[in-house]
Amino acid sequence: MAGMSPLFRRKSPRDRLVTLIRKPGCHLCDDAQVVVEKVCGDLGVPWEQKDITEDRELHDQFWEQIPVVLVDGRQHTFWRVNEDRLRKALTD
């Protein structure tokens, strides 16, 4: 059925994935997680968190930028998460 109408072209929020890359004891990460939980909760978007200290590849890629938020595996933002901007990214 999907694809029959232009209305179905957009991904549903439930088909999106937000990833929060964080490290333990990081206040900015805690702040980011509050925003991610709120926006994803409101929109029904699944989210996950990854601990940068347990993943060498993430560590090498993102250490300077923690916390980092990915949307569908692509970098959305780092350090401070803007609630409105994240909401827009997930509903566009």
C-alpha atoms as a PDB file:
ATOM      1  CA  MET A   1       0.000   0.000   0.000  1.00  0.00           C
ATOM      2  CA  ALA A   2       2.695   2.502   0.960  1.00  0.00           C
ATOM      3  CA  GLY A   3       3.872   4.572  -1.941  1.00  0.00           C
ATOM      4  CA  MET A   4       0.439   4.752  -3.588  1.00  0.00           C
ATOM      5  CA  SER A   5      -0.144   8.299  -2.400  1.00  0.00           C
ATOM      6  CA  PRO A   6       2.202  11.233  -1.876  1.00  0.00           C
ATOM      7  CA  LEU A   7       0.972  11.357   1.716  1.00  0.00           C
ATOM      8  CA  PHE A   8       2.856   8.162   2.458  1.00  0.00           C
ATOM      9  CA  ARG A   9       6.208   9.389   1.186  1.00  0.00           C
ATOM     10  CA  ARG A  10       7.237  10.799   4.543  1.00  0.00           C
ATOM     11  CA  LYS A  11       8.685   8.530   7.141  1.00  0.00           C
ATOM     12  CA  SER A  12       6.438   8.146  10.131  1.00  0.00           C
ATOM     13  CA  PRO A  13       8.057   9.259  13.401  1.00  0.00           C
ATOM     14  CA  ARG A  14       7.854   5.619  14.523  1.00  0.00           C
ATOM     15  CA  ASP A  15      10.169   4.675  11.662  1.00  0.00           C
ATOM     16  CA  ARG A  16      12.813   7.153  12.804  1.00  0.00           C
ATOM     17  CA  LEU A  17      15.563   6.475  15.305  1.00  0.00           C
ATOM     18  CA  VAL A  18      17.298   8.940  17.580  1.00  0.00           C
ATOM     19  CA  THR A  19      20.655   7.957  19.061  1.00  0.00           C
ATOM     20  CA  LEU A  20      22.151   9.820  21.989  1.00  0.00           C
ATOM     21  CA  ILE A  21      25.894   9.310  22.274  1.00  0.00           C
ATOM     22  CA  ARG A  22      26.981  10.155  25.788  1.00  0.00           C
ATOM     23  CA  LYS A  23      29.448   9.452  28.526  1.00  0.00           C
ATOM     24  CA  PRO A  24      28.936   8.803  32.226  1.00  0.00           C
ATOM     25  CA  GLY A  25      28.881  11.732  34.640  1.00  0.00           C
ATOM     26  CA  CYS A  26      28.317  14.318  31.909  1.00  0.00           C
ATOM     27  CA  HIS A  27      25.860  17.084  32.795  1.00  0.00           C
ATOM     28  CA  LEU A  28      25.385  18.213  29.198  1.00  0.00           C
ATOM     29  CA  CYS A  29      24.590  14.590  28.347  1.00  0.00           C
ATOM     30  CA  ASP A  30      21.979  14.454  31.093  1.00  0.00           C
ATOM     31  CA  ASP A  31      20.437  17.681  29.768  1.00  0.00           C
ATOM     32  CA  ALA A  32      20.428  16.295  26.230  1.00  0.00           C
ATOM     33  CA  GLN A  33      18.797  13.067  27.392  1.00  0.00           C
ATOM     34  CA  VAL A  34      15.930  14.986  29.027  1.00  0.00           C
ATOM     35  CA  VAL A  35      15.196  16.714  25.707  1.00  0.00           C
ATOM     36  CA  VAL A  36      15.537  13.502  23.681  1.00  0.00           C
ATOM     37  CA  GLU A  37      13.235  11.599  26.056  1.00  0.00           C
ATOM     38  CA  LYS A  38      10.634  14.381  25.953  1.00  0.00           C
ATOM     39  CA  VAL A  39      10.590  14.910  22.182  1.00  0.00           C
ATOM     40  CA  CYS A  40      10.752  11.216  21.328  1.00  0.00           C
ATOM     41  CA  GLY A  41       8.108  10.461  23.947  1.00  0.00           C
ATOM     42  CA  ASP A  42       5.786  13.104  22.520  1.00  0.00           C
ATOM     43  CA  LEU A  43       6.264  11.941  18.931  1.00  0.00           C
ATOM     44  CA  GLY A  44       6.478   8.198  19.510  1.00  0.00           C
ATOM     45  CA  VAL A  45      10.004   8.064  18.087  1.00  0.00           C
ATOM     46  CA  PRO A  46      12.228   5.226  19.340  1.00  0.00           C
ATOM     47  CA  TRP A  47      15.564   6.272  20.796  1.00  0.00           C
ATOM     48  CA  GLU A  48      18.663   4.630  22.171  1.00  0.00           C
ATOM     49  CA  GLN A  49      21.737   5.731  24.008  1.00  0.00           C
ATOM     50  CA  LYS A  50      25.311   4.668  23.462  1.00  0.00           C
ATOM     51  CA  ASP A  51      28.154   5.076  25.923  1.00  0.00           C
ATOM     52  CA  ILE A  52      31.125   6.570  24.127  1.00  0.00           C
ATOM     53  CA  THR A  53      33.522   5.018  26.630  1.00  0.00           C
ATOM     54  CA  GLU A  54      32.451   1.546  25.465  1.00  0.00           C
ATOM     55  CA  ASP A  55      32.789   2.101  21.725  1.00  0.00           C
ATOM     56  CA  ARG A  56      36.193   2.879  20.236  1.00  0.00           C
ATOM     57  CA  GLU A  57      34.797   4.017  16.889  1.00  0.00           C
ATOM     58  CA  LEU A  58      32.300   6.420  18.444  1.00  0.00           C
ATOM     59  CA  HIS A  59      35.011   7.626  20.807  1.00  0.00           C
ATOM     60  CA  ASP A  60      37.378   8.469  17.958  1.00  0.00           C
ATOM     61  CA  GLN A  61      34.644  10.117  15.909  1.00  0.00           C
ATOM     62  CA  PHE A  62      32.763  12.120  18.524  1.00  0.00           C
ATOM     63  CA  TRP A  63      34.851  12.526  21.694  1.00  0.00           C
ATOM     64  CA  GLU A  64      35.214  16.307  21.228  1.00  0.00           C
ATOM     65  CA  GLN A  65      31.476  16.784  20.682  1.00  0.00           C
ATOM     66  CA  ILE A  66      29.736  14.828  23.433  1.00  0.00           C
ATOM     67  CA  PRO A  67      26.795  14.652  23.746  1.00  0.00           C
ATOM     68  CA  VAL A  68      25.959  13.956  20.125  1.00  0.00           C
ATOM     69  CA  VAL A  69      22.470  13.317  18.791  1.00  0.00           C
ATOM     70  CA  LEU A  70      22.006  11.275  15.626  1.00  0.00           C
ATOM     71  CA  VAL A  71      18.758  11.077  13.691  1.00  0.00           C
ATOM     72  CA  ASP A  72      18.536   7.928  11.570  1.00  0.00           C
ATOM     73  CA  GLY A  73      22.293   7.491  12.012  1.00  0.00           C
ATOM     74  CA  ARG A  74      23.218  10.967  10.761  1.00  0.00           C
ATOM     75  CA  GLN A  75      24.521  13.670  13.063  1.00  0.00           C
ATOM     76  CA  HIS A  76      21.789  16.093  14.053  1.00  0.00           C
ATOM     77  CA  THR A  77      23.557  18.155  16.692  1.00  0.00           C
ATOM     78  CA  PHE A  78      26.091  18.095  19.487  1.00  0.00           C
ATOM     79  CA  TRP A  79      26.599  19.673  22.920  1.00  0.00           C
ATOM     80  CA  ARG A  80      23.228  21.367  23.302  1.00  0.00           C
ATOM     81  CA  VAL A  81      20.035  19.859  21.964  1.00  0.00           C
ATOM     82  CA  ASN A  82      17.373  22.299  20.838  1.00  0.00           C
ATOM     83  CA  GLU A  83      13.940  20.815  21.508  1.00  0.00           C
ATOM     84  CA  ASP A  84      12.153  22.631  18.670  1.00  0.00           C
ATOM     85  CA  ARG A  85      14.855  21.830  16.158  1.00  0.00           C
ATOM     86  CA  LEU A  86      14.855  18.142  17.085  1.00  0.00           C
ATOM     87  CA  ARG A  87      11.069  18.009  16.892  1.00  0.00           C
ATOM     88  CA  LYS A  88      11.180  19.609  13.432  1.00  0.00           C
ATOM     89  CA  ALA A  89      13.855  17.182  12.233  1.00  0.00           C
ATOM     90  CA  LEU A  90      11.694  14.245  13.279  1.00  0.00           C
ATOM     91  CA  THR A  91       8.463  15.512  11.754  1.00  0.00           C
ATOM     92  CA  ASP A  92       9.786  16.925   8.469  1.00  0.00           C
END
